[in-house]
Protein backbone atom coordinates (compact mmCIF):
# COMPACT_ATOMS: atom_id res chain seq x y z
CA UNK A 1 -8.37 15.59 46.06
CA UNK A 2 -6.99 13.50 43.11
CA UNK A 3 -4.48 10.70 44.76
CA UNK A 4 -0.80 10.15 42.85
CA UNK A 5 1.02 7.22 43.21
CA UNK A 6 4.55 6.31 41.20
CA UNK A 7 5.90 3.20 40.80
CA UNK A 8 7.94 1.32 42.88
CA UNK A 9 8.59 -0.85 39.34
CA UNK A 10 11.03 1.05 37.08
CA UNK A 11 10.91 0.13 33.62
CA UNK A 12 13.99 -0.23 31.32
CA UNK A 13 14.77 2.39 29.22
CA UNK A 14 17.41 1.66 25.97
CA UNK A 15 20.15 4.27 24.71
CA UNK A 16 21.24 4.93 21.40
CA UNK A 17 24.58 3.42 22.63
CA UNK A 18 24.38 1.80 25.91
CA UNK A 19 22.18 -1.19 27.48
CA UNK A 20 18.77 -0.68 29.18
CA UNK A 21 19.28 2.02 32.59
CA UNK A 22 17.45 1.46 35.72
CA UNK A 23 16.28 4.69 37.64
CA UNK A 24 16.36 4.73 41.26
CA UNK A 25 12.70 4.01 42.43
CA UNK A 26 10.68 7.09 44.34
CA UNK A 27 7.98 6.98 45.83
CA UNK A 28 6.23 9.76 46.73
CA UNK A 29 3.34 10.50 49.23
CA UNK A 30 -0.13 8.55 48.13
CA UNK A 31 -2.20 11.98 48.95
CA UNK A 32 -0.02 13.81 47.17
CA UNK A 33 -1.38 16.43 44.41
CA UNK A 34 -0.29 17.06 41.15
CA UNK A 35 -0.72 20.32 39.84
CA UNK A 36 -0.99 21.88 36.28
CA UNK A 37 2.06 24.08 37.71
CA UNK A 38 6.00 24.25 37.92
CA UNK A 39 5.25 23.82 41.67
CA UNK A 40 3.96 20.28 41.60
CA UNK A 41 5.57 18.29 43.66
CA UNK A 42 5.48 14.97 41.10
CA UNK A 43 8.70 14.20 39.76
CA UNK A 44 9.57 11.21 36.59
CA UNK A 45 13.09 10.20 36.29
CA UNK A 46 13.98 8.25 32.42
CA UNK A 47 12.93 4.61 33.41
CA UNK A 48 10.14 4.95 35.85
CA UNK A 49 6.39 4.72 35.23
CA UNK A 50 3.97 7.00 37.39
CA UNK A 51 0.05 5.68 38.01
CA UNK A 52 -2.03 8.94 38.53
CA UNK A 53 -5.63 9.88 38.01
CA UNK A 54 -7.95 12.68 36.40
CA UNK A 55 -10.24 13.38 39.55
CA UNK A 56 -11.94 15.92 38.16
CA UNK A 57 -13.08 17.27 34.91
CA UNK A 58 -10.37 19.36 32.97
CA UNK A 59 -8.47 18.59 35.76
CA UNK A 60 -4.40 17.88 34.27
CA UNK A 61 -1.42 16.70 36.48
CA UNK A 62 2.30 17.85 35.54
CA UNK A 63 5.54 15.92 35.84
CA UNK A 64 8.66 17.25 36.77
CA UNK A 65 11.80 15.95 34.40
CA UNK A 66 14.99 16.73 33.87
CA UNK A 67 16.41 15.77 30.19
CA UNK A 68 20.28 16.10 28.96
CA UNK A 69 20.59 18.36 26.16
CA UNK A 70 20.17 16.59 21.86
CA UNK A 71 19.02 13.17 24.18
CA UNK A 72 15.82 11.16 22.55
CA UNK A 73 12.96 10.55 25.14
CA UNK A 74 9.92 8.34 24.38
CA UNK A 75 6.57 9.27 26.45
CA UNK A 76 3.77 7.62 27.05
CA UNK A 77 -0.05 7.68 27.94
CA UNK A 78 -2.27 5.35 28.53
CA UNK A 79 -5.22 3.97 30.43
CA UNK A 80 -4.65 2.25 33.28
CA UNK A 81 -6.34 -1.42 33.80
CA UNK A 82 -8.42 -0.33 36.37
CA UNK A 83 -12.07 -0.04 37.14
CA UNK A 84 -12.08 3.34 36.00
CA UNK A 85 -9.70 4.06 33.10
CA UNK A 86 -9.36 7.54 31.39
CA UNK A 87 -10.79 6.75 28.18
CA UNK A 88 -8.38 8.98 26.37
CA UNK A 89 -5.47 10.30 27.50
CA UNK A 90 -3.60 13.35 26.52
CA UNK A 91 -0.01 14.54 26.61
CA UNK A 92 2.13 17.46 26.61
CA UNK A 93 5.58 18.13 27.25
CA UNK A 94 6.98 21.66 28.57
CA UNK A 95 9.93 23.78 29.08
CA UNK A 96 10.56 25.68 32.24
CA UNK A 97 8.44 28.48 30.81
CA UNK A 98 5.54 26.65 30.02
CA UNK A 99 6.71 26.69 26.26
CA UNK A 100 5.07 23.82 24.29
CA UNK A 101 7.81 20.84 22.98
CA UNK A 102 5.34 18.26 21.56
CA UNK A 103 1.48 17.04 22.19
CA UNK A 104 -0.08 13.88 21.63
CA UNK A 105 -3.80 12.53 21.69
CA UNK A 106 -3.49 9.21 19.64
CA UNK A 107 0.01 7.45 18.75
CA UNK A 108 0.13 5.14 21.55
CA UNK A 109 -2.88 2.85 19.69
CA UNK A 110 -6.15 2.11 21.70
CA UNK A 111 -6.50 6.62 21.80
CA UNK A 112 -3.73 6.05 23.83
CA UNK A 113 -0.57 8.78 23.80
CA UNK A 114 3.08 8.55 22.82
CA UNK A 115 6.06 10.33 21.96
CA UNK A 116 9.64 10.28 20.98
CA UNK A 117 11.32 13.21 20.98
CA UNK A 118 14.93 15.16 21.19
CA UNK A 119 15.21 17.31 24.01
CA UNK A 120 16.92 20.68 22.66
CA UNK A 121 18.58 21.74 25.83
CA UNK A 122 19.64 20.28 28.90
CA UNK A 123 17.12 21.41 32.07
CA UNK A 124 13.75 20.67 33.59
CA UNK A 125 10.95 19.91 31.28
CA UNK A 126 7.16 19.17 32.73
CA UNK A 127 5.22 16.41 31.42
CA UNK A 128 0.99 16.71 31.44
CA UNK A 129 -1.32 14.49 31.91
CA UNK A 130 -4.71 14.48 31.15
CA UNK A 131 -8.03 13.32 29.33
CA UNK A 132 -7.96 14.78 25.49
CA UNK A 133 -12.02 16.10 26.52
CA UNK A 134 -12.23 17.92 29.31
CA UNK A 135 -15.16 16.47 30.47
CA UNK A 136 -13.57 13.37 30.84
CA UNK A 137 -11.80 11.30 34.24
CA UNK A 138 -10.32 8.65 35.40
CA UNK A 139 -6.23 6.73 35.77
CA UNK A 140 -3.73 6.69 33.83
CA UNK A 141 -0.53 5.33 33.52
CA UNK A 142 3.17 7.36 32.47
CA UNK A 143 6.28 6.14 31.49
CA UNK A 144 9.56 8.07 30.22
CA UNK A 145 11.98 6.20 28.70
CA UNK A 146 15.80 7.51 27.56
CA UNK A 147 16.51 6.65 24.40
CA UNK A 148 15.31 5.68 20.54
CA UNK A 149 13.02 3.38 19.82
CA UNK A 150 15.04 0.08 19.42
CA UNK A 151 15.94 -1.01 15.44
CA UNK A 152 16.22 -4.29 16.70
CA UNK A 153 14.08 -7.43 18.01
CA UNK A 154 14.51 -5.76 21.71
CA UNK A 155 11.97 -3.20 20.79
CA UNK A 156 9.85 -2.63 23.71
CA UNK A 157 6.79 -1.43 21.41
CA UNK A 158 3.73 -3.34 20.36
CA UNK A 159 1.15 -3.50 17.48
CA UNK A 160 -2.47 -4.38 18.10
CA UNK A 161 -2.61 -6.73 15.38
CA UNK A 162 -6.29 -8.14 16.31
CA UNK A 163 -7.91 -4.55 17.26
CA UNK A 164 -6.03 -2.83 14.79
CA UNK A 165 -3.06 0.09 15.75
CA UNK A 166 -1.88 3.52 15.18
CA UNK A 167 1.39 5.12 15.72
CA UNK A 168 2.75 8.53 15.29
CA UNK A 169 6.55 9.11 15.88
CA UNK A 170 10.34 10.88 14.40
CA UNK A 171 13.46 8.58 12.82
CA UNK A 172 16.14 10.86 14.29
CA UNK A 173 19.30 10.95 14.08
CA UNK A 174 20.07 9.90 10.31
CA UNK A 175 19.82 5.92 8.92
CA UNK A 176 17.43 5.22 12.47
CA UNK A 177 14.65 2.92 11.97
CA UNK A 178 12.06 1.51 14.50
CA UNK A 179 10.83 -1.36 15.16
CA UNK A 180 7.21 -2.20 16.39
CA UNK A 181 6.38 -5.89 17.57
CA UNK A 182 3.26 -8.05 16.78
CA UNK A 183 1.60 -11.59 17.51
CA UNK A 184 -0.32 -13.03 14.92
CA UNK A 185 -1.88 -16.64 14.62
CA UNK A 186 -1.26 -19.06 11.83
CA UNK A 187 -2.88 -17.45 8.41
CA UNK A 188 -3.89 -14.23 10.24
CA UNK A 189 -3.66 -11.42 7.57
CA UNK A 190 -2.51 -7.46 8.91
CA UNK A 191 -2.55 -4.35 6.51
CA UNK A 192 0.48 -1.76 7.28
CA UNK A 193 0.84 1.21 5.69
CA UNK A 194 3.67 3.76 6.26
CA UNK A 195 3.22 7.55 5.82
CA UNK A 196 5.10 10.88 6.27
CA UNK A 197 3.15 12.93 8.74
CA UNK A 198 4.15 16.59 9.41
CA UNK A 199 4.88 19.42 7.60
CA UNK A 200 7.23 18.78 4.26
CA UNK A 201 10.21 19.96 6.57
CA UNK A 202 9.86 17.77 9.43
CA UNK A 203 7.76 14.65 7.58
CA UNK A 204 9.80 11.62 6.52
CA UNK A 205 10.06 11.99 2.54
CA UNK A 206 10.27 8.53 1.13
CA UNK A 207 9.02 5.88 3.48
CA UNK A 208 10.29 2.27 3.73
CA UNK A 209 8.56 -0.46 5.36
CA UNK A 210 9.39 -4.53 5.72
CA UNK A 211 8.04 -7.07 8.13
CA UNK A 212 10.38 -9.64 9.95
CA UNK A 213 10.51 -12.99 11.08
CA UNK A 214 10.63 -13.87 15.20
CA UNK A 215 14.63 -13.77 14.36
CA UNK A 216 14.69 -10.36 12.67
CA UNK A 217 15.20 -11.68 9.41
CA UNK A 218 13.19 -9.77 6.39
CA UNK A 219 10.07 -11.78 5.13
CA UNK A 220 8.47 -9.32 2.49
CA UNK A 221 9.07 -5.34 2.12
CA UNK A 222 7.74 -2.34 0.43
CA UNK A 223 8.56 0.92 -1.12
CA UNK A 224 6.10 3.35 -2.76
CA UNK A 225 3.02 0.65 -2.69
CA UNK A 226 0.96 3.53 -1.09
CA UNK A 227 -0.04 6.21 -2.42
CA UNK A 228 2.79 8.92 -3.53
CA UNK A 229 6.18 7.51 -2.34
CA UNK A 230 4.52 6.00 0.85
CA UNK A 231 4.79 2.15 1.84
CA UNK A 232 1.96 -0.52 1.98
CA UNK A 233 1.76 -4.17 2.72
CA UNK A 234 -0.96 -6.79 3.25
CA UNK A 235 0.34 -9.40 5.31
CA UNK A 236 -0.37 -13.18 5.98
CA UNK A 237 1.97 -15.09 8.69
CA UNK A 238 2.43 -18.49 7.29
CA UNK A 239 2.76 -19.67 10.86
CA UNK A 240 2.03 -18.55 14.67
CA UNK A 241 4.14 -16.65 16.31
CA UNK A 242 5.83 -13.11 17.00
CA UNK A 243 6.87 -10.75 13.90
CA UNK A 244 8.95 -7.23 13.51
CA UNK A 245 7.33 -4.44 11.74
CA UNK A 246 10.25 -1.97 10.88
CA UNK A 247 9.95 1.61 9.87
CA UNK A 248 12.29 3.40 8.19
CA UNK A 249 13.27 6.29 5.05
CA UNK A 250 14.05 4.59 1.58
CA UNK A 251 17.13 6.71 2.19
CA UNK A 252 19.59 5.63 4.21
CA UNK A 253 19.88 9.35 5.62
CA UNK A 254 16.36 9.41 5.79
CA UNK A 255 14.59 11.15 9.28
CA UNK A 256 11.63 12.86 9.86
CA UNK A 257 8.08 11.94 11.27
CA UNK A 258 5.95 9.44 10.13
CA UNK A 259 2.17 7.73 10.73
CA UNK A 260 2.43 3.85 10.74
CA UNK A 261 -1.54 2.10 10.67
CA UNK A 262 -2.19 -1.58 11.14
CA UNK A 263 -5.34 -2.81 10.07
CA UNK A 264 -6.78 -6.27 10.92
CA UNK A 265 -8.02 -8.66 8.11
CA UNK A 266 -8.01 -8.72 4.50
CA UNK A 267 -8.87 -6.26 1.92
CA UNK A 268 -12.85 -5.40 1.51
CA UNK A 269 -14.39 -7.51 -1.04
CA UNK A 270 -17.81 -4.53 -0.79
CA UNK A 271 -17.13 -1.08 -3.11
CA UNK A 272 -16.29 1.54 -0.32
CA UNK A 273 -14.91 -0.73 2.20
CA UNK A 274 -11.66 -1.57 0.25
CA UNK A 275 -8.28 -0.27 0.00
CA UNK A 276 -7.09 3.13 -2.14
CA UNK A 277 -5.11 2.33 -4.73
CA UNK A 278 -3.28 5.29 -6.75
CA UNK A 279 -2.66 5.07 -10.56
CA UNK A 280 0.98 4.32 -11.81
CA UNK A 281 2.01 3.45 -8.58
CA UNK A 282 3.54 -0.01 -7.15
CA UNK A 283 1.37 -2.73 -8.19
CA UNK A 284 -0.85 -4.69 -4.98
CA UNK A 285 -0.35 -8.08 -4.37
CA UNK A 286 -2.84 -10.02 -2.12
CA UNK A 287 -4.68 -12.90 -2.02
CA UNK A 288 -7.96 -14.58 -2.83
CA UNK A 289 -8.92 -16.78 0.83
CA UNK A 290 -10.95 -18.36 1.29
CA UNK A 291 -13.53 -19.82 -1.99
CA UNK A 292 -15.58 -17.04 -2.88
CA UNK A 293 -13.18 -14.16 -1.95
CA UNK A 294 -13.47 -10.69 -3.13
CA UNK A 295 -11.08 -7.77 -3.02
CA UNK A 296 -12.02 -4.27 -3.50
CA UNK A 297 -9.73 -1.36 -4.56
CA UNK A 298 -10.75 2.51 -4.84
CA UNK A 299 -9.44 4.53 -7.96
CA UNK A 300 -9.75 8.30 -8.39
CA UNK A 301 -10.51 8.18 -12.18
CA UNK A 302 -10.22 11.68 -14.45
CA UNK A 303 -12.88 12.29 -17.16
CA UNK A 304 -11.93 11.27 -20.62
CA UNK A 305 -8.42 9.74 -19.39
CA UNK A 306 -7.80 6.43 -20.14
CA UNK A 307 -6.85 3.71 -17.67
CA UNK A 308 -5.71 0.53 -17.99
CA UNK A 309 -5.85 -2.21 -15.38
CA UNK A 310 -3.11 -5.88 -15.40
CA UNK A 311 -4.32 -8.90 -12.78
CA UNK A 312 -1.90 -11.38 -12.95
CA UNK A 313 -1.88 -14.96 -10.62
CA UNK A 314 1.47 -14.84 -9.52
CA UNK A 315 3.67 -16.79 -7.29
CA UNK A 316 5.47 -19.94 -8.29
CA UNK A 317 3.18 -21.96 -5.42
CA UNK A 318 -1.02 -20.90 -4.49
CA UNK A 319 -1.28 -17.99 -7.57
CA UNK A 320 -4.60 -17.14 -8.80
CA UNK A 321 -5.47 -19.47 -11.87
CA UNK A 322 -7.71 -17.00 -13.26
CA UNK A 323 -8.24 -13.92 -12.06
CA UNK A 324 -11.93 -11.85 -12.39
CA UNK A 325 -11.78 -8.25 -12.95
CA UNK A 326 -14.36 -5.90 -12.78
CA UNK A 327 -15.38 -2.09 -12.82
CA UNK A 328 -18.21 -0.64 -10.39
CA UNK A 329 -19.15 3.09 -10.10
CA UNK A 330 -19.59 4.80 -6.89
CA UNK A 331 -23.52 3.26 -6.84
CA UNK A 332 -22.17 0.24 -7.08
CA UNK A 333 -23.46 -0.93 -10.44
CA UNK A 334 -20.15 -2.77 -12.55
CA UNK A 335 -19.77 -0.49 -15.65
CA UNK A 336 -16.88 -3.12 -16.57
CA UNK A 337 -15.46 -6.81 -16.42
CA UNK A 338 -12.78 -9.01 -18.07
CA UNK A 339 -12.04 -12.56 -17.27
CA UNK A 340 -8.72 -13.32 -20.06
CA UNK A 341 -8.19 -10.21 -21.86
CA UNK A 342 -4.65 -10.59 -20.56
CA UNK A 343 -2.38 -13.51 -21.04
CA UNK A 344 -3.29 -16.57 -20.92
CA UNK A 345 -6.41 -16.28 -18.11
CA UNK A 346 -4.83 -13.52 -16.57
CA UNK A 347 -7.52 -10.29 -16.58
CA UNK A 348 -6.98 -7.21 -18.54
CA UNK A 349 -9.19 -4.29 -19.06
CA UNK A 350 -9.22 -0.66 -21.09
CA UNK A 351 -11.15 2.00 -19.43
CA UNK A 352 -11.83 5.85 -20.50
CA UNK A 353 -13.84 7.12 -17.79
CA UNK A 354 -16.69 8.92 -18.07
CA UNK A 355 -17.22 10.71 -15.71
CA UNK A 356 -14.33 12.48 -12.91
CA UNK A 357 -14.83 10.58 -9.74
CA UNK A 358 -14.21 7.07 -7.33
CA UNK A 359 -14.47 3.88 -8.87
CA UNK A 360 -13.42 -0.08 -7.85
CA UNK A 361 -11.45 -2.13 -9.43
CA UNK A 362 -12.98 -5.35 -7.39
CA UNK A 363 -10.82 -9.09 -8.02
CA UNK A 364 -12.02 -12.00 -7.58
CA UNK A 365 -11.79 -16.06 -8.96
CA UNK A 366 -13.54 -16.75 -11.98
CA UNK A 367 -14.72 -19.48 -10.56
CA UNK A 368 -16.37 -19.24 -6.85
CA UNK A 369 -13.96 -22.06 -5.93
CA UNK A 370 -10.89 -20.64 -6.93
CA UNK A 371 -8.04 -19.02 -4.71
CA UNK A 372 -4.67 -18.11 -4.51
CA UNK A 373 -2.53 -15.06 -5.19
CA UNK A 374 -2.31 -11.73 -7.63
CA UNK A 375 -1.03 -8.94 -8.78
CA UNK A 376 -3.17 -5.32 -9.42
CA UNK A 377 -1.14 -2.92 -11.79
CA UNK A 378 -3.24 0.65 -12.35
CA UNK A 379 -1.84 3.12 -15.15
CA UNK A 380 -3.48 5.86 -15.93
CA UNK A 381 -2.93 6.63 -19.06
CA UNK A 382 -3.54 4.84 -22.98
CA UNK A 383 -1.81 1.96 -24.45
CA UNK A 384 1.33 3.70 -25.53
CA UNK A 385 2.05 4.07 -29.21
CA UNK A 386 6.06 5.08 -29.22
CA UNK A 387 9.06 2.78 -27.99
CA UNK A 388 8.24 3.81 -24.00
CA UNK A 389 5.25 1.63 -24.21
CA UNK A 390 5.06 -0.84 -21.13
CA UNK A 391 3.13 -3.53 -22.64
CA UNK A 392 4.36 -6.60 -23.57
CA UNK A 393 2.55 -10.02 -25.14
CA UNK A 394 4.09 -13.22 -23.74
CA UNK A 395 4.09 -15.95 -26.25
CA UNK A 396 5.12 -18.92 -23.91
CA UNK A 397 2.33 -20.71 -24.32
CA UNK A 398 1.86 -20.00 -28.43
CA UNK A 399 -0.68 -17.28 -28.45
CA UNK A 400 -1.37 -14.29 -26.23
CA UNK A 401 -3.86 -10.76 -27.07
CA UNK A 402 -5.45 -8.00 -25.55
CA UNK A 403 -8.94 -6.54 -26.10
CA UNK A 404 -8.23 -2.36 -25.84
CA UNK A 405 -9.47 0.61 -27.62
CA UNK A 406 -8.39 3.48 -30.36
CA UNK A 407 -9.57 6.19 -28.25
CA UNK A 408 -8.57 9.37 -30.60
CA UNK A 409 -8.35 9.20 -34.27
CA UNK A 410 -4.42 8.59 -35.59
CA UNK A 411 -3.96 6.94 -32.18
CA UNK A 412 -1.49 4.16 -31.92
CA UNK A 413 -1.20 0.88 -29.29
CA UNK A 414 2.30 -0.66 -29.08
CA UNK A 415 2.70 -4.61 -27.85
CA UNK A 416 6.48 -5.46 -27.59
CA UNK A 417 6.66 -9.02 -28.50
CA UNK A 418 9.61 -11.64 -28.11
CA UNK A 419 10.21 -13.65 -31.40
CA UNK A 420 11.52 -16.83 -32.98
CA UNK A 421 13.84 -16.06 -35.87
CA UNK A 422 11.85 -18.38 -38.34
CA UNK A 423 8.91 -19.53 -36.73
CA UNK A 424 6.28 -17.70 -38.71
CA UNK A 425 3.50 -16.28 -36.37
CA UNK A 426 -0.15 -14.80 -37.18
CA UNK A 427 -1.01 -11.36 -36.21
CA UNK A 428 -5.20 -11.13 -35.74
CA UNK A 429 -7.16 -7.96 -34.41
CA UNK A 430 -10.67 -7.73 -34.95
CA UNK A 431 -13.27 -5.38 -33.98
CA UNK A 432 -14.82 -6.18 -30.93
CA UNK A 433 -17.35 -4.80 -28.00
CA UNK A 434 -20.38 -2.65 -28.44
CA UNK A 435 -18.05 0.44 -30.22
CA UNK A 436 -15.92 -1.98 -32.28
CA UNK A 437 -12.58 -0.20 -34.27
CA UNK A 438 -14.63 -1.21 -37.87
CA UNK A 439 -11.29 -1.44 -39.45
CA UNK A 440 -8.35 -2.02 -38.12
CA UNK A 441 -4.63 -2.23 -39.33
CA UNK A 442 -2.05 -4.38 -37.89
CA UNK A 443 1.55 -3.95 -38.28
CA UNK A 444 4.83 -5.32 -36.75
CA UNK A 445 7.61 -3.39 -36.23
CA UNK A 446 11.50 -3.68 -35.13
CA UNK A 447 12.52 -2.99 -31.97
CA UNK A 448 14.20 0.70 -33.09
CA UNK A 449 11.03 1.35 -35.15
CA UNK A 450 11.18 0.56 -38.76
CA UNK A 451 8.02 -1.41 -40.05
CA UNK A 452 8.71 -4.97 -41.43
CA UNK A 453 5.33 -5.90 -42.29
CA UNK A 454 1.98 -4.62 -42.64
CA UNK A 455 -1.89 -5.75 -42.86
CA UNK A 456 -4.98 -3.58 -43.42
CA UNK A 457 -8.16 -6.37 -44.69
CA UNK A 458 -7.17 -10.23 -44.68
CA UNK A 459 -9.38 -10.40 -42.04
CA UNK A 460 -12.63 -11.31 -41.97
CA UNK A 461 -14.76 -7.79 -43.24
CA UNK A 462 -11.73 -5.22 -42.66
CA UNK A 463 -9.99 -6.52 -40.10
CA UNK A 464 -6.85 -7.26 -39.92
CA UNK A 465 -4.89 -10.67 -40.24
CA UNK A 466 -0.74 -11.38 -40.80
CA UNK A 467 0.98 -13.59 -41.33
CA UNK A 468 4.75 -13.04 -40.69
CA UNK A 469 8.65 -14.31 -40.07
CA UNK A 470 11.20 -12.71 -38.42
CA UNK A 471 14.77 -13.36 -39.75
CA UNK A 472 15.78 -13.65 -36.53
CA UNK A 473 15.22 -13.88 -32.94
CA UNK A 474 14.88 -11.06 -30.77
CA UNK A 475 12.09 -8.33 -29.78
CA UNK A 476 9.21 -6.53 -32.22
CA UNK A 477 6.75 -4.30 -31.91
CA UNK A 478 2.96 -4.94 -32.53
CA UNK A 479 1.31 -1.44 -33.84
CA UNK A 480 -2.57 -1.62 -33.77
CA UNK A 481 -4.33 1.24 -34.94
CA UNK A 482 -7.66 2.27 -36.89
CA UNK A 483 -7.93 3.18 -41.28
CA UNK A 484 -8.52 6.93 -41.96
CA UNK A 485 -8.61 7.77 -38.45
CA UNK A 486 -11.14 5.33 -37.32
CA UNK A 487 -11.79 4.49 -33.49
CA UNK A 488 -12.95 1.56 -31.27
CA UNK A 489 -12.61 -1.48 -29.18
CA UNK A 490 -10.32 -4.10 -30.73
CA UNK A 491 -9.25 -7.63 -30.17
CA UNK A 492 -5.62 -8.48 -30.38
CA UNK A 493 -4.48 -11.87 -30.80
CA UNK A 494 -0.67 -13.07 -31.19
CA UNK A 495 0.05 -17.00 -32.54
CA UNK A 496 2.48 -19.31 -33.51
CA UNK A 497 1.58 -20.56 -36.43
CA UNK A 498 0.72 -19.50 -40.38
CA UNK A 499 -2.84 -17.46 -40.90
CA UNK A 500 -5.62 -19.72 -42.00
CA UNK A 501 -6.13 -20.59 -45.53
CA UNK A 502 -8.75 -18.46 -47.08
CA UNK A 503 -11.42 -20.59 -47.91
CA UNK A 504 -12.65 -20.93 -52.02
CA UNK A 505 -15.06 -18.36 -53.27
CA UNK A 506 -18.42 -20.22 -54.34
CA UNK A 507 -18.47 -20.53 -57.93
CA UNK A 508 -21.67 -19.18 -60.13
CA UNK A 509 -24.34 -21.45 -60.34
CA UNK A 510 -24.09 -22.97 -63.37
CA UNK A 511 -20.75 -22.69 -64.39
CA UNK A 512 -18.45 -25.81 -65.39
CA UNK A 513 -14.83 -26.40 -65.50
């Protein structure tokens, strides 16, 4: 015989239009049986909590509830804090005819169940409490709350930042937001992802994720930092205290189902234990901390396709001063690396995948003692050779450059750069690496694509070297290509100042002036 005890303390429900509504306390017989049938004597009203037990393998308890049409309800089924807790609760809501309305297994976190749903019609419904596995038994706690998940600091939903959390729910009506509370210690890190969930017609189309402080003020937000249109944030608490996670849609009219996942700690440093990253998605911002830390990102690449990796230190204070980037294959072997191929001491890699599969970008500091914030961006295309280029050189420190490659005959790489009128600049392109571009051509173009100056072999050997003085200040384009359909890797450098004076040719022996 199962034992069922209704709690005498009613929990508050939160209505979208009203304040907390408390149900009257109910008391059921301590020996009441709750069969899995419509003749159950177990009752539950919004604002009440019931404690029960799955006493036999495969058993289930049904609770009768009266719900209003188009009203939102939240139901949680959790393992009870007893000596014999129900290990993996499973929750269902059924109509008076026994038709399933909604079901859930683990959306409450820690294998607990949670649903938020809108009653399709006024009438009698049944909540079924059972175990996910037919052989499991144990004690549970069931709570019914009327009203949506609060969209402010009054929220009664929590995330376990120390052990991780997973929540599934639905935003409804249009413009709805769900807030979750979490407790963090000083410098404690968590990773948060908000993803569309369910069928295309019912899933939240474009999730938007925000972390807020204890007063509700926004600290950081993200739109498309995850895969596709999904959101991702890695957050480190500046101080110990209460923080809030807001789940919403990017559009004010957005509705739909979502999944919110919290993972404690920083990004894994070993290949295979890090975070997935999608080329052409939002860049990832994180920190190398403590000293010797490494962050790993997995990227699916296609054979023969060119990819570009930009790794830069970010932030006015505490930026990673000398980022180091390495690419690792699925077996853990390093296949490419760069230290200062980007702007200043930042890293830049142009890479063509030798085969399709998963590769890993590993971020660290060049010196073991380095720490700080960084931004990693991955693009799944070669350097554009047209006005749509997203590559930009900065001469803030007087010099900048890129190590890249001409991948196919006739390929061109365009880099935008701001130049000051009347100032002379030097443009140098040299072959680089095991497959160097043996005969390079460098050209300076106007912002409209018109050719202003070009050079083929003025550098050492058949490398390109060009001095150029713009007539006016503006944005120009540096174009790099190979002579006569040549391909290969190159090192482009742009700096303020004239090219070096050519060394005098040696005079033949025995000649006098």
